[in-house]
Amino acid sequence: MSKTYEDIIKEIHMDEVAHTVRSIGRVEAGITDRKSDSEHVEDERLTLAATRDHFGFEGDRHMHGVYREGSDVMLAKTGTGPNASAHADILAHLWNHLVKEVEDYDRARGEVRPKAGWRGA
């Protein structure tokens, strides 16, 4: 599941990225209403069912998303649809580009910070 920044760059082809971006357009961050865990799980179940029905999927599906490198901690879910893998790759590529920019920014300011890590463990 875990891919390095270099792996992602090798896999992403700008023509595919451009097609995906053009077909979706601008995006925004969002938030749901305040709900219990079980209500969020039910919403997710309905979303998965809608995707399965829309695309005529049968059987088990992979869940694509953006994960902390080397872990199962999901930061953003892109789903089970046919474009979900490409969407996850694009988001991961952009995030990792930002990580590199911040590292360069810190170095330019003479600040060397430890690599980020999961603080919950």
PDB file of N, CA and C in Angstrom:
ATOM      1  N   MET A   1       0.824  -1.185   0.000  1.00  0.00           N
ATOM      2  CA  MET A   1       0.000   0.000   0.000  1.00  0.00           C
ATOM      3  C   MET A   1       0.867   1.247   0.000  1.00  0.00           C
ATOM      4  N   SER A   2       1.934   1.266   0.756  1.00  0.00           N
ATOM      5  CA  SER A   2       2.748   2.460   0.902  1.00  0.00           C
ATOM      6  C   SER A   2       3.648   2.668  -0.311  1.00  0.00           C
ATOM      7  N   LYS A   3       3.605   3.863  -0.855  1.00  0.00           N
ATOM      8  CA  LYS A   3       4.432   4.210  -1.999  1.00  0.00           C
ATOM      9  C   LYS A   3       5.343   5.358  -1.618  1.00  0.00           C
ATOM     10  N   THR A   4       6.535   5.358  -2.162  1.00  0.00           N
ATOM     11  CA  THR A   4       7.433   6.473  -1.918  1.00  0.00           C
ATOM     12  C   THR A   4       7.084   7.601  -2.880  1.00  0.00           C
ATOM     13  N   TYR A   5       7.586   8.775  -2.585  1.00  0.00           N
ATOM     14  CA  TYR A   5       7.395   9.937  -3.448  1.00  0.00           C
ATOM     15  C   TYR A   5       7.884   9.623  -4.861  1.00  0.00           C
ATOM     16  N   GLU A   6       9.033   8.967  -4.967  1.00  0.00           N
ATOM     17  CA  GLU A   6       9.600   8.632  -6.273  1.00  0.00           C
ATOM     18  C   GLU A   6       8.709   7.644  -7.035  1.00  0.00           C
ATOM     19  N   ASP A   7       8.127   6.666  -6.324  1.00  0.00           N
ATOM     20  CA  ASP A   7       7.210   5.717  -6.961  1.00  0.00           C
ATOM     21  C   ASP A   7       6.013   6.444  -7.566  1.00  0.00           C
ATOM     22  N   ILE A   8       5.476   7.384  -6.810  1.00  0.00           N
ATOM     23  CA  ILE A   8       4.298   8.112  -7.268  1.00  0.00           C
ATOM     24  C   ILE A   8       4.631   8.949  -8.493  1.00  0.00           C
ATOM     25  N   ILE A   9       5.763   9.622  -8.466  1.00  0.00           N
ATOM     26  CA  ILE A   9       6.155  10.442  -9.619  1.00  0.00           C
ATOM     27  C   ILE A   9       6.309   9.578 -10.865  1.00  0.00           C
ATOM     28  N   LYS A  10       6.877   8.392 -10.719  1.00  0.00           N
ATOM     29  CA  LYS A  10       7.037   7.498 -11.868  1.00  0.00           C
ATOM     30  C   LYS A  10       5.686   7.065 -12.429  1.00  0.00           C
ATOM     31  N   GLU A  11       4.696   6.886 -11.559  1.00  0.00           N
ATOM     32  CA  GLU A  11       3.405   6.372 -11.976  1.00  0.00           C
ATOM     33  C   GLU A  11       2.493   7.440 -12.579  1.00  0.00           C
ATOM     34  N   ILE A  12       2.671   8.670 -12.160  1.00  0.00           N
ATOM     35  CA  ILE A  12       1.763   9.726 -12.611  1.00  0.00           C
ATOM     36  C   ILE A  12       2.211  10.239 -13.972  1.00  0.00           C
ATOM     37  N   HIS A  13       1.285  10.222 -14.899  1.00  0.00           N
ATOM     38  CA  HIS A  13       1.531  10.760 -16.231  1.00  0.00           C
ATOM     39  C   HIS A  13       0.717  12.037 -16.349  1.00  0.00           C
ATOM     40  N   MET A  14       1.359  13.121 -16.752  1.00  0.00           N
ATOM     41  CA  MET A  14       0.696  14.413 -16.760  1.00  0.00           C
ATOM     42  C   MET A  14      -0.571  14.414 -17.608  1.00  0.00           C
ATOM     43  N   ASP A  15      -0.606  13.672 -18.716  1.00  0.00           N
ATOM     44  CA  ASP A  15      -1.819  13.632 -19.534  1.00  0.00           C
ATOM     45  C   ASP A  15      -2.995  13.084 -18.727  1.00  0.00           C
ATOM     46  N   GLU A  16      -2.748  12.037 -17.931  1.00  0.00           N
ATOM     47  CA  GLU A  16      -3.808  11.461 -17.112  1.00  0.00           C
ATOM     48  C   GLU A  16      -4.228  12.418 -16.004  1.00  0.00           C
ATOM     49  N   VAL A  17      -3.240  13.078 -15.399  1.00  0.00           N
ATOM     50  CA  VAL A  17      -3.540  14.050 -14.352  1.00  0.00           C
ATOM     51  C   VAL A  17      -4.386  15.180 -14.937  1.00  0.00           C
ATOM     52  N   ALA A  18      -3.967  15.697 -16.096  1.00  0.00           N
ATOM     53  CA  ALA A  18      -4.698  16.806 -16.720  1.00  0.00           C
ATOM     54  C   ALA A  18      -6.134  16.392 -17.043  1.00  0.00           C
ATOM     55  N   HIS A  19      -6.316  15.187 -17.564  1.00  0.00           N
ATOM     56  CA  HIS A  19      -7.666  14.705 -17.885  1.00  0.00           C
ATOM     57  C   HIS A  19      -8.529  14.648 -16.622  1.00  0.00           C
ATOM     58  N   THR A  20      -7.987  14.103 -15.550  1.00  0.00           N
ATOM     59  CA  THR A  20      -8.730  13.986 -14.298  1.00  0.00           C
ATOM     60  C   THR A  20      -9.086  15.361 -13.756  1.00  0.00           C
ATOM     61  N   VAL A  21      -8.112  16.269 -13.736  1.00  0.00           N
ATOM     62  CA  VAL A  21      -8.357  17.607 -13.197  1.00  0.00           C
ATOM     63  C   VAL A  21      -9.409  18.336 -14.028  1.00  0.00           C
ATOM     64  N   ARG A  22      -9.306  18.236 -15.338  1.00  0.00           N
ATOM     65  CA  ARG A  22     -10.297  18.901 -16.196  1.00  0.00           C
ATOM     66  C   ARG A  22     -11.698  18.329 -15.994  1.00  0.00           C
ATOM     67  N   SER A  23     -11.790  17.008 -15.816  1.00  0.00           N
ATOM     68  CA  SER A  23     -13.109  16.388 -15.696  1.00  0.00           C
ATOM     69  C   SER A  23     -13.781  16.709 -14.366  1.00  0.00           C
ATOM     70  N   ILE A  24     -13.011  16.975 -13.329  1.00  0.00           N
ATOM     71  CA  ILE A  24     -13.583  17.263 -12.010  1.00  0.00           C
ATOM     72  C   ILE A  24     -13.693  18.762 -11.761  1.00  0.00           C
ATOM     73  N   GLY A  25     -12.698  19.521 -12.165  1.00  0.00           N
ATOM     74  CA  GLY A  25     -12.709  20.958 -11.892  1.00  0.00           C
ATOM     75  C   GLY A  25     -12.238  21.254 -10.483  1.00  0.00           C
ATOM     76  N   ARG A  26     -12.589  22.425 -10.008  1.00  0.00           N
ATOM     77  CA  ARG A  26     -12.136  22.869  -8.685  1.00  0.00           C
ATOM     78  C   ARG A  26     -12.777  22.025  -7.585  1.00  0.00           C
ATOM     79  N   VAL A  27     -12.093  21.900  -6.475  1.00  0.00           N
ATOM     80  CA  VAL A  27     -12.597  21.161  -5.326  1.00  0.00           C
ATOM     81  C   VAL A  27     -12.493  22.042  -4.088  1.00  0.00           C
ATOM     82  N   GLU A  28     -13.081  21.576  -3.024  1.00  0.00           N
ATOM     83  CA  GLU A  28     -12.996  22.307  -1.774  1.00  0.00           C
ATOM     84  C   GLU A  28     -12.988  21.327  -0.611  1.00  0.00           C
ATOM     85  N   ALA A  29     -12.456  21.770   0.490  1.00  0.00           N
ATOM     86  CA  ALA A  29     -12.529  20.979   1.707  1.00  0.00           C
ATOM     87  C   ALA A  29     -13.964  21.031   2.210  1.00  0.00           C
ATOM     88  N   GLY A  30     -14.382  20.012   2.892  1.00  0.00           N
ATOM     89  CA  GLY A  30     -15.754  19.983   3.383  1.00  0.00           C
ATOM     90  C   GLY A  30     -15.841  19.377   4.766  1.00  0.00           C
ATOM     91  N   ILE A  31     -17.020  19.447   5.309  1.00  0.00           N
ATOM     92  CA  ILE A  31     -17.268  18.896   6.638  1.00  0.00           C
ATOM     93  C   ILE A  31     -18.717  18.406   6.684  1.00  0.00           C
ATOM     94  N   THR A  32     -18.939  17.331   7.391  1.00  0.00           N
ATOM     95  CA  THR A  32     -20.304  16.829   7.557  1.00  0.00           C
ATOM     96  C   THR A  32     -20.932  17.498   8.768  1.00  0.00           C
ATOM     97  N   ASP A  33     -22.209  17.260   8.947  1.00  0.00           N
ATOM     98  CA  ASP A  33     -22.855  17.633  10.196  1.00  0.00           C
ATOM     99  C   ASP A  33     -22.236  16.798  11.306  1.00  0.00           C
ATOM    100  N   ARG A  34     -22.380  17.233  12.526  1.00  0.00           N
ATOM    101  CA  ARG A  34     -21.896  16.465  13.674  1.00  0.00           C
ATOM    102  C   ARG A  34     -22.722  15.189  13.765  1.00  0.00           C
ATOM    103  N   LYS A  35     -22.032  14.034  13.765  1.00  0.00           N
ATOM    104  CA  LYS A  35     -22.723  12.743  13.803  1.00  0.00           C
ATOM    105  C   LYS A  35     -21.951  11.780  14.690  1.00  0.00           C
ATOM    106  N   SER A  36     -22.635  10.746  15.128  1.00  0.00           N
ATOM    107  CA  SER A  36     -21.975   9.682  15.887  1.00  0.00           C
ATOM    108  C   SER A  36     -21.139   8.827  14.933  1.00  0.00           C
ATOM    109  N   ASP A  37     -20.245   8.026  15.489  1.00  0.00           N
ATOM    110  CA  ASP A  37     -19.465   7.106  14.661  1.00  0.00           C
ATOM    111  C   ASP A  37     -20.374   6.217  13.830  1.00  0.00           C
ATOM    112  N   SER A  38     -21.426   5.699  14.448  1.00  0.00           N
ATOM    113  CA  SER A  38     -22.313   4.784  13.717  1.00  0.00           C
ATOM    114  C   SER A  38     -23.023   5.511  12.575  1.00  0.00           C
ATOM    115  N   GLU A  39     -23.363   6.781  12.755  1.00  0.00           N
ATOM    116  CA  GLU A  39     -23.991   7.545  11.669  1.00  0.00           C
ATOM    117  C   GLU A  39     -23.003   7.794  10.525  1.00  0.00           C
ATOM    118  N   HIS A  40     -21.755   8.091  10.861  1.00  0.00           N
ATOM    119  CA  HIS A  40     -20.733   8.255   9.812  1.00  0.00           C
ATOM    120  C   HIS A  40     -20.521   6.945   9.060  1.00  0.00           C
ATOM    121  N   VAL A  41     -20.485   5.846   9.790  1.00  0.00           N
ATOM    122  CA  VAL A  41     -20.315   4.535   9.155  1.00  0.00           C
ATOM    123  C   VAL A  41     -21.494   4.247   8.226  1.00  0.00           C
ATOM    124  N   GLU A  42     -22.700   4.574   8.648  1.00  0.00           N
ATOM    125  CA  GLU A  42     -23.875   4.357   7.799  1.00  0.00           C
ATOM    126  C   GLU A  42     -23.805   5.223   6.541  1.00  0.00           C
ATOM    127  N   ASP A  43     -23.379   6.474   6.675  1.00  0.00           N
ATOM    128  CA  ASP A  43     -23.207   7.334   5.498  1.00  0.00           C
ATOM    129  C   ASP A  43     -22.203   6.715   4.530  1.00  0.00           C
ATOM    130  N   GLU A  44     -21.128   6.196   5.071  1.00  0.00           N
ATOM    131  CA  GLU A  44     -20.101   5.561   4.226  1.00  0.00           C
ATOM    132  C   GLU A  44     -20.665   4.321   3.540  1.00  0.00           C
ATOM    133  N   ARG A  45     -21.455   3.544   4.263  1.00  0.00           N
ATOM    134  CA  ARG A  45     -22.073   2.355   3.668  1.00  0.00           C
ATOM    135  C   ARG A  45     -22.964   2.753   2.493  1.00  0.00           C
ATOM    136  N   LEU A  46     -23.730   3.818   2.661  1.00  0.00           N
ATOM    137  CA  LEU A  46     -24.603   4.287   1.585  1.00  0.00           C
ATOM    138  C   LEU A  46     -23.791   4.787   0.386  1.00  0.00           C
ATOM    139  N   THR A  47     -22.679   5.471   0.658  1.00  0.00           N
ATOM    140  CA  THR A  47     -21.804   5.948  -0.422  1.00  0.00           C
ATOM    141  C   THR A  47     -21.209   4.778  -1.189  1.00  0.00           C
ATOM    142  N   LEU A  48     -20.744   3.774  -0.471  1.00  0.00           N
ATOM    143  CA  LEU A  48     -20.186   2.586  -1.128  1.00  0.00           C
ATOM    144  C   LEU A  48     -21.243   1.879  -1.972  1.00  0.00           C
ATOM    145  N   ALA A  49     -22.453   1.779  -1.441  1.00  0.00           N
ATOM    146  CA  ALA A  49     -23.537   1.132  -2.186  1.00  0.00           C
ATOM    147  C   ALA A  49     -23.870   1.917  -3.449  1.00  0.00           C
ATOM    148  N   ALA A  50     -23.895   3.244  -3.343  1.00  0.00           N
ATOM    149  CA  ALA A  50     -24.191   4.075  -4.514  1.00  0.00           C
ATOM    150  C   ALA A  50     -23.116   3.902  -5.588  1.00  0.00           C
ATOM    151  N   THR A  51     -21.854   3.845  -5.189  1.00  0.00           N
ATOM    152  CA  THR A  51     -20.762   3.633  -6.143  1.00  0.00           C
ATOM    153  C   THR A  51     -20.895   2.258  -6.786  1.00  0.00           C
ATOM    154  N   ARG A  52     -21.160   1.245  -5.978  1.00  0.00           N
ATOM    155  CA  ARG A  52     -21.321  -0.130  -6.483  1.00  0.00           C
ATOM    156  C   ARG A  52     -22.474  -0.196  -7.496  1.00  0.00           C
ATOM    157  N   ASP A  53     -23.598   0.433  -7.159  1.00  0.00           N
ATOM    158  CA  ASP A  53     -24.759   0.418  -8.065  1.00  0.00           C
ATOM    159  C   ASP A  53     -24.477   1.195  -9.346  1.00  0.00           C
ATOM    160  N   HIS A  54     -23.888   2.368  -9.205  1.00  0.00           N
ATOM    161  CA  HIS A  54     -23.637   3.222 -10.371  1.00  0.00           C
ATOM    162  C   HIS A  54     -22.721   2.543 -11.389  1.00  0.00           C
ATOM    163  N   PHE A  55     -21.664   1.895 -10.897  1.00  0.00           N
ATOM    164  CA  PHE A  55     -20.690   1.279 -11.807  1.00  0.00           C
ATOM    165  C   PHE A  55     -20.944  -0.207 -12.039  1.00  0.00           C
ATOM    166  N   GLY A  56     -21.955  -0.768 -11.394  1.00  0.00           N
ATOM    167  CA  GLY A  56     -22.269  -2.175 -11.586  1.00  0.00           C
ATOM    168  C   GLY A  56     -21.219  -3.117 -11.006  1.00  0.00           C
ATOM    169  N   PHE A  57     -20.559  -2.695  -9.943  1.00  0.00           N
ATOM    170  CA  PHE A  57     -19.531  -3.526  -9.312  1.00  0.00           C
ATOM    171  C   PHE A  57     -20.166  -4.685  -8.557  1.00  0.00           C
ATOM    172  N   GLU A  58     -19.460  -5.810  -8.565  1.00  0.00           N
ATOM    173  CA  GLU A  58     -19.854  -6.956  -7.757  1.00  0.00           C
ATOM    174  C   GLU A  58     -18.637  -7.422  -6.980  1.00  0.00           C
ATOM    175  N   GLY A  59     -18.855  -8.007  -5.835  1.00  0.00           N
ATOM    176  CA  GLY A  59     -17.752  -8.559  -5.049  1.00  0.00           C
ATOM    177  C   GLY A  59     -16.996  -7.491  -4.269  1.00  0.00           C
ATOM    178  N   ASP A  60     -15.901  -7.929  -3.676  1.00  0.00           N
ATOM    179  CA  ASP A  60     -15.094  -7.052  -2.833  1.00  0.00           C
ATOM    180  C   ASP A  60     -14.345  -6.029  -3.675  1.00  0.00           C
ATOM    181  N   ARG A  61     -14.114  -4.865  -3.100  1.00  0.00           N
ATOM    182  CA  ARG A  61     -13.415  -3.771  -3.771  1.00  0.00           C
ATOM    183  C   ARG A  61     -12.310  -3.250  -2.856  1.00  0.00           C
ATOM    184  N   HIS A  62     -11.259  -2.713  -3.453  1.00  0.00           N
ATOM    185  CA  HIS A  62     -10.212  -2.026  -2.684  1.00  0.00           C
ATOM    186  C   HIS A  62     -10.705  -0.634  -2.320  1.00  0.00           C
ATOM    187  N   MET A  63     -10.293  -0.129  -1.140  1.00  0.00           N
ATOM    188  CA  MET A  63     -10.581   1.242  -0.740  1.00  0.00           C
ATOM    189  C   MET A  63      -9.312   2.051  -0.993  1.00  0.00           C
ATOM    190  N   HIS A  64      -9.412   3.032  -1.847  1.00  0.00           N
ATOM    191  CA  HIS A  64      -8.266   3.880  -2.169  1.00  0.00           C
ATOM    192  C   HIS A  64      -8.307   5.134  -1.315  1.00  0.00           C
ATOM    193  N   GLY A  65      -7.133   5.661  -1.041  1.00  0.00           N
ATOM    194  CA  GLY A  65      -7.055   6.887  -0.265  1.00  0.00           C
ATOM    195  C   GLY A  65      -5.621   7.328  -0.106  1.00  0.00           C
ATOM    196  N   VAL A  66      -5.444   8.330   0.715  1.00  0.00           N
ATOM    197  CA  VAL A  66      -4.126   8.852   1.050  1.00  0.00           C
ATOM    198  C   VAL A  66      -3.827   8.396   2.474  1.00  0.00           C
ATOM    199  N   TYR A  67      -2.707   7.717   2.639  1.00  0.00           N
ATOM    200  CA  TYR A  67      -2.335   7.132   3.923  1.00  0.00           C
ATOM    201  C   TYR A  67      -1.015   7.715   4.400  1.00  0.00           C
ATOM    202  N   ARG A  68      -0.816   7.740   5.714  1.00  0.00           N
ATOM    203  CA  ARG A  68       0.499   8.088   6.244  1.00  0.00           C
ATOM    204  C   ARG A  68       1.472   7.062   5.700  1.00  0.00           C
ATOM    205  N   GLU A  69       2.610   7.529   5.240  1.00  0.00           N
ATOM    206  CA  GLU A  69       3.594   6.632   4.632  1.00  0.00           C
ATOM    207  C   GLU A  69       3.950   5.500   5.591  1.00  0.00           C
ATOM    208  N   GLY A  70       3.846   4.281   5.085  1.00  0.00           N
ATOM    209  CA  GLY A  70       4.216   3.104   5.864  1.00  0.00           C
ATOM    210  C   GLY A  70       3.196   2.699   6.920  1.00  0.00           C
ATOM    211  N   SER A  71       1.972   3.210   6.833  1.00  0.00           N
ATOM    212  CA  SER A  71       0.980   2.881   7.851  1.00  0.00           C
ATOM    213  C   SER A  71      -0.387   2.630   7.218  1.00  0.00           C
ATOM    214  N   ASP A  72      -1.334   2.240   8.061  1.00  0.00           N
ATOM    215  CA  ASP A  72      -2.724   2.065   7.629  1.00  0.00           C
ATOM    216  C   ASP A  72      -3.588   3.254   8.048  1.00  0.00           C
ATOM    217  N   VAL A  73      -2.950   4.358   8.465  1.00  0.00           N
ATOM    218  CA  VAL A  73      -3.681   5.536   8.911  1.00  0.00           C
ATOM    219  C   VAL A  73      -4.118   6.332   7.682  1.00  0.00           C
ATOM    220  N   MET A  74      -5.436   6.344   7.422  1.00  0.00           N
ATOM    221  CA  MET A  74      -5.974   7.021   6.249  1.00  0.00           C
ATOM    222  C   MET A  74      -6.218   8.495   6.562  1.00  0.00           C
ATOM    223  N   LEU A  75      -5.661   9.361   5.732  1.00  0.00           N
ATOM    224  CA  LEU A  75      -5.871  10.794   5.885  1.00  0.00           C
ATOM    225  C   LEU A  75      -7.017  11.291   5.016  1.00  0.00           C
ATOM    226  N   ALA A  76      -7.176  10.679   3.859  1.00  0.00           N
ATOM    227  CA  ALA A  76      -8.256  11.064   2.948  1.00  0.00           C
ATOM    228  C   ALA A  76      -8.672   9.848   2.140  1.00  0.00           C
ATOM    229  N   LYS A  77      -9.971   9.642   2.031  1.00  0.00           N
ATOM    230  CA  LYS A  77     -10.500   8.503   1.280  1.00  0.00           C
ATOM    231  C   LYS A  77     -10.900   8.992  -0.106  1.00  0.00           C
ATOM    232  N   THR A  78     -10.464   8.267  -1.130  1.00  0.00           N
ATOM    233  CA  THR A  78     -10.897   8.607  -2.484  1.00  0.00           C
ATOM    234  C   THR A  78     -11.908   7.601  -3.012  1.00  0.00           C
ATOM    235  N   GLY A  79     -12.103   6.493  -2.339  1.00  0.00           N
ATOM    236  CA  GLY A  79     -13.201   5.607  -2.659  1.00  0.00           C
ATOM    237  C   GLY A  79     -12.849   4.305  -3.340  1.00  0.00           C
ATOM    238  N   THR A  80     -13.879   3.714  -3.941  1.00  0.00           N
ATOM    239  CA  THR A  80     -13.762   2.399  -4.564  1.00  0.00           C
ATOM    240  C   THR A  80     -14.041   2.439  -6.060  1.00  0.00           C
ATOM    241  N   GLY A  81     -14.312   3.613  -6.592  1.00  0.00           N
ATOM    242  CA  GLY A  81     -14.654   3.750  -8.000  1.00  0.00           C
ATOM    243  C   GLY A  81     -13.463   3.581  -8.926  1.00  0.00           C
ATOM    244  N   PRO A  82     -13.718   3.599 -10.217  1.00  0.00           N
ATOM    245  CA  PRO A  82     -12.657   3.342 -11.193  1.00  0.00           C
ATOM    246  C   PRO A  82     -11.569   4.411 -11.236  1.00  0.00           C
ATOM    247  N   ASN A  83     -11.847   5.623 -10.786  1.00  0.00           N
ATOM    248  CA  ASN A  83     -10.846   6.687 -10.784  1.00  0.00           C
ATOM    249  C   ASN A  83     -10.224   6.922  -9.412  1.00  0.00           C
ATOM    250  N   ALA A  84     -10.646   6.166  -8.414  1.00  0.00           N
ATOM    251  CA  ALA A  84     -10.205   6.389  -7.037  1.00  0.00           C
ATOM    252  C   ALA A  84      -8.694   6.251  -6.869  1.00  0.00           C
ATOM    253  N   SER A  85      -8.100   5.288  -7.544  1.00  0.00           N
ATOM    254  CA  SER A  85      -6.653   5.094  -7.436  1.00  0.00           C
ATOM    255  C   SER A  85      -5.898   6.302  -7.993  1.00  0.00           C
ATOM    256  N   ALA A  86      -6.322   6.778  -9.153  1.00  0.00           N
ATOM    257  CA  ALA A  86      -5.677   7.952  -9.753  1.00  0.00           C
ATOM    258  C   ALA A  86      -5.849   9.175  -8.865  1.00  0.00           C
ATOM    259  N   HIS A  87      -7.027   9.345  -8.278  1.00  0.00           N
ATOM    260  CA  HIS A  87      -7.257  10.486  -7.395  1.00  0.00           C
ATOM    261  C   HIS A  87      -6.348  10.407  -6.167  1.00  0.00           C
ATOM    262  N   ALA A  88      -6.203   9.222  -5.609  1.00  0.00           N
ATOM    263  CA  ALA A  88      -5.315   9.049  -4.453  1.00  0.00           C
ATOM    264  C   ALA A  88      -3.867   9.347  -4.835  1.00  0.00           C
ATOM    265  N   ASP A  89      -3.439   8.872  -5.999  1.00  0.00           N
ATOM    266  CA  ASP A  89      -2.065   9.138  -6.450  1.00  0.00           C
ATOM    267  C   ASP A  89      -1.813  10.631  -6.615  1.00  0.00           C
ATOM    268  N   ILE A  90      -2.771  11.332  -7.199  1.00  0.00           N
ATOM    269  CA  ILE A  90      -2.616  12.776  -7.409  1.00  0.00           C
ATOM    270  C   ILE A  90      -2.528  13.503  -6.069  1.00  0.00           C
ATOM    271  N   LEU A  91      -3.438  13.184  -5.148  1.00  0.00           N
ATOM    272  CA  LEU A  91      -3.413  13.841  -3.838  1.00  0.00           C
ATOM    273  C   LEU A  91      -2.125  13.536  -3.079  1.00  0.00           C
ATOM    274  N   ALA A  92      -1.682  12.288  -3.123  1.00  0.00           N
ATOM    275  CA  ALA A  92      -0.438  11.915  -2.442  1.00  0.00           C
ATOM    276  C   ALA A  92       0.745  12.645  -3.057  1.00  0.00           C
ATOM    277  N   HIS A  93       0.776  12.732  -4.379  1.00  0.00           N
ATOM    278  CA  HIS A  93       1.865  13.437  -5.068  1.00  0.00           C
ATOM    279  C   HIS A  93       1.891  14.903  -4.624  1.00  0.00           C
ATOM    280  N   LEU A  94       0.740  15.550  -4.621  1.00  0.00           N
ATOM    281  CA  LEU A  94       0.686  16.960  -4.230  1.00  0.00           C
ATOM    282  C   LEU A  94       1.094  17.146  -2.772  1.00  0.00           C
ATOM    283  N   TRP A  95       0.607  16.277  -1.901  1.00  0.00           N
ATOM    284  CA  TRP A  95       0.970  16.374  -0.480  1.00  0.00           C
ATOM    285  C   TRP A  95       2.480  16.208  -0.307  1.00  0.00           C
ATOM    286  N   ASN A  96       3.047  15.190  -0.947  1.00  0.00           N
ATOM    287  CA  ASN A  96       4.482  14.939  -0.805  1.00  0.00           C
ATOM    288  C   ASN A  96       5.314  16.064  -1.410  1.00  0.00           C
ATOM    289  N   HIS A  97       4.784  16.707  -2.440  1.00  0.00           N
ATOM    290  CA  HIS A  97       5.458  17.886  -2.989  1.00  0.00           C
ATOM    291  C   HIS A  97       5.479  18.997  -1.935  1.00  0.00           C
ATOM    292  N   LEU A  98       4.366  19.178  -1.234  1.00  0.00           N
ATOM    293  CA  LEU A  98       4.321  20.173  -0.165  1.00  0.00           C
ATOM    294  C   LEU A  98       5.285  19.831   0.966  1.00  0.00           C
ATOM    295  N   VAL A  99       5.390  18.554   1.299  1.00  0.00           N
ATOM    296  CA  VAL A  99       6.339  18.131   2.336  1.00  0.00           C
ATOM    297  C   VAL A  99       7.754  18.543   1.934  1.00  0.00           C
ATOM    298  N   LYS A 100       8.118  18.287   0.683  1.00  0.00           N
ATOM    299  CA  LYS A 100       9.448  18.661   0.202  1.00  0.00           C
ATOM    300  C   LYS A 100       9.631  20.177   0.232  1.00  0.00           C
ATOM    301  N   GLU A 101       8.615  20.930  -0.157  1.00  0.00           N
ATOM    302  CA  GLU A 101       8.693  22.401  -0.127  1.00  0.00           C
ATOM    303  C   GLU A 101       8.924  22.904   1.300  1.00  0.00           C
ATOM    304  N   VAL A 102       8.219  22.315   2.264  1.00  0.00           N
ATOM    305  CA  VAL A 102       8.382  22.724   3.663  1.00  0.00           C
ATOM    306  C   VAL A 102       9.774  22.365   4.168  1.00  0.00           C
ATOM    307  N   GLU A 103      10.275  21.186   3.791  1.00  0.00           N
ATOM    308  CA  GLU A 103      11.638  20.809   4.184  1.00  0.00           C
ATOM    309  C   GLU A 103      12.648  21.793   3.609  1.00  0.00           C
ATOM    310  N   ASP A 104      12.481  22.179   2.339  1.00  0.00           N
ATOM    311  CA  ASP A 104      13.371  23.161   1.711  1.00  0.00           C
ATOM    312  C   ASP A 104      13.261  24.519   2.411  1.00  0.00           C
ATOM    313  N   TYR A 105      12.049  24.907   2.742  1.00  0.00           N
ATOM    314  CA  TYR A 105      11.801  26.167   3.456  1.00  0.00           C
ATOM    315  C   TYR A 105      12.516  26.163   4.805  1.00  0.00           C
ATOM    316  N   ASP A 106      12.370  25.076   5.546  1.00  0.00           N
ATOM    317  CA  ASP A 106      13.036  24.967   6.848  1.00  0.00           C
ATOM    318  C   ASP A 106      14.549  25.042   6.706  1.00  0.00           C
ATOM    319  N   ARG A 107      15.098  24.313   5.707  1.00  0.00           N
ATOM    320  CA  ARG A 107      16.555  24.340   5.497  1.00  0.00           C
ATOM    321  C   ARG A 107      17.038  25.739   5.148  1.00  0.00           C
ATOM    322  N   ALA A 108      16.294  26.444   4.310  1.00  0.00           N
ATOM    323  CA  ALA A 108      16.669  27.798   3.900  1.00  0.00           C
ATOM    324  C   ALA A 108      16.686  28.746   5.098  1.00  0.00           C
ATOM    325  N   ARG A 109      15.866  28.470   6.086  1.00  0.00           N
ATOM    326  CA  ARG A 109      15.815  29.290   7.299  1.00  0.00           C
ATOM    327  C   ARG A 109      16.779  28.779   8.361  1.00  0.00           C
ATOM    328  N   GLY A 110      17.535  27.739   8.030  1.00  0.00           N
ATOM    329  CA  GLY A 110      18.493  27.185   8.978  1.00  0.00           C
ATOM    330  C   GLY A 110      17.863  26.327  10.054  1.00  0.00           C
ATOM    331  N   GLU A 111      16.653  25.902   9.828  1.00  0.00           N
ATOM    332  CA  GLU A 111      15.954  25.065  10.801  1.00  0.00           C
ATOM    333  C   GLU A 111      15.923  23.634  10.297  1.00  0.00           C
ATOM    334  N   VAL A 112      16.439  22.746  11.089  1.00  0.00           N
ATOM    335  CA  VAL A 112      16.369  21.331  10.741  1.00  0.00           C
ATOM    336  C   VAL A 112      15.416  20.692  11.737  1.00  0.00           C
ATOM    337  N   ARG A 113      14.332  20.189  11.221  1.00  0.00           N
ATOM    338  CA  ARG A 113      13.315  19.589  12.080  1.00  0.00           C
ATOM    339  C   ARG A 113      13.294  18.086  11.868  1.00  0.00           C
ATOM    340  N   PRO A 114      12.920  17.355  12.896  1.00  0.00           N
ATOM    341  CA  PRO A 114      12.788  15.900  12.698  1.00  0.00           C
ATOM    342  C   PRO A 114      11.666  15.611  11.720  1.00  0.00           C
ATOM    343  N   LYS A 115      11.807  14.505  11.014  1.00  0.00           N
ATOM    344  CA  LYS A 115      10.738  14.092  10.088  1.00  0.00           C
ATOM    345  C   LYS A 115       9.459  13.890  10.898  1.00  0.00           C
ATOM    346  N   ALA A 116       8.344  14.221  10.274  1.00  0.00           N
ATOM    347  CA  ALA A 116       7.049  14.046  10.939  1.00  0.00           C
ATOM    348  C   ALA A 116       6.818  12.566  11.186  1.00  0.00           C
ATOM    349  N   GLY A 117       6.091  12.278  12.220  1.00  0.00           N
ATOM    350  CA  GLY A 117       5.761  10.895  12.529  1.00  0.00           C
ATOM    351  C   GLY A 117       4.450  10.844  13.270  1.00  0.00           C
ATOM    352  N   TRP A 118       3.866   9.683  13.271  1.00  0.00           N
ATOM    353  CA  TRP A 118       2.603   9.489  13.940  1.00  0.00           C
ATOM    354  C   TRP A 118       2.798   9.632  15.442  1.00  0.00           C
ATOM    355  N   ARG A 119       2.164  10.611  16.017  1.00  0.00           N
ATOM    356  CA  ARG A 119       2.349  10.893  17.430  1.00  0.00           C
ATOM    357  C   ARG A 119       1.364  10.131  18.316  1.00  0.00           C
ATOM    358  N   GLY A 120       0.418   9.430  17.685  1.00  0.00           N
ATOM    359  CA  GLY A 120      -0.573   8.719  18.464  1.00  0.00           C
ATOM    360  C   GLY A 120      -0.099   7.369  18.964  1.00  0.00           C
ATOM    361  N   ALA A 121       1.044   6.916  18.461  1.00  0.00           N
ATOM    362  CA  ALA A 121       1.505   5.580  18.853  1.00  0.00           C
ATOM    363  C   ALA A 121       2.525   5.670  19.959  1.00  0.00           C
TER     364      ALA A 121
END
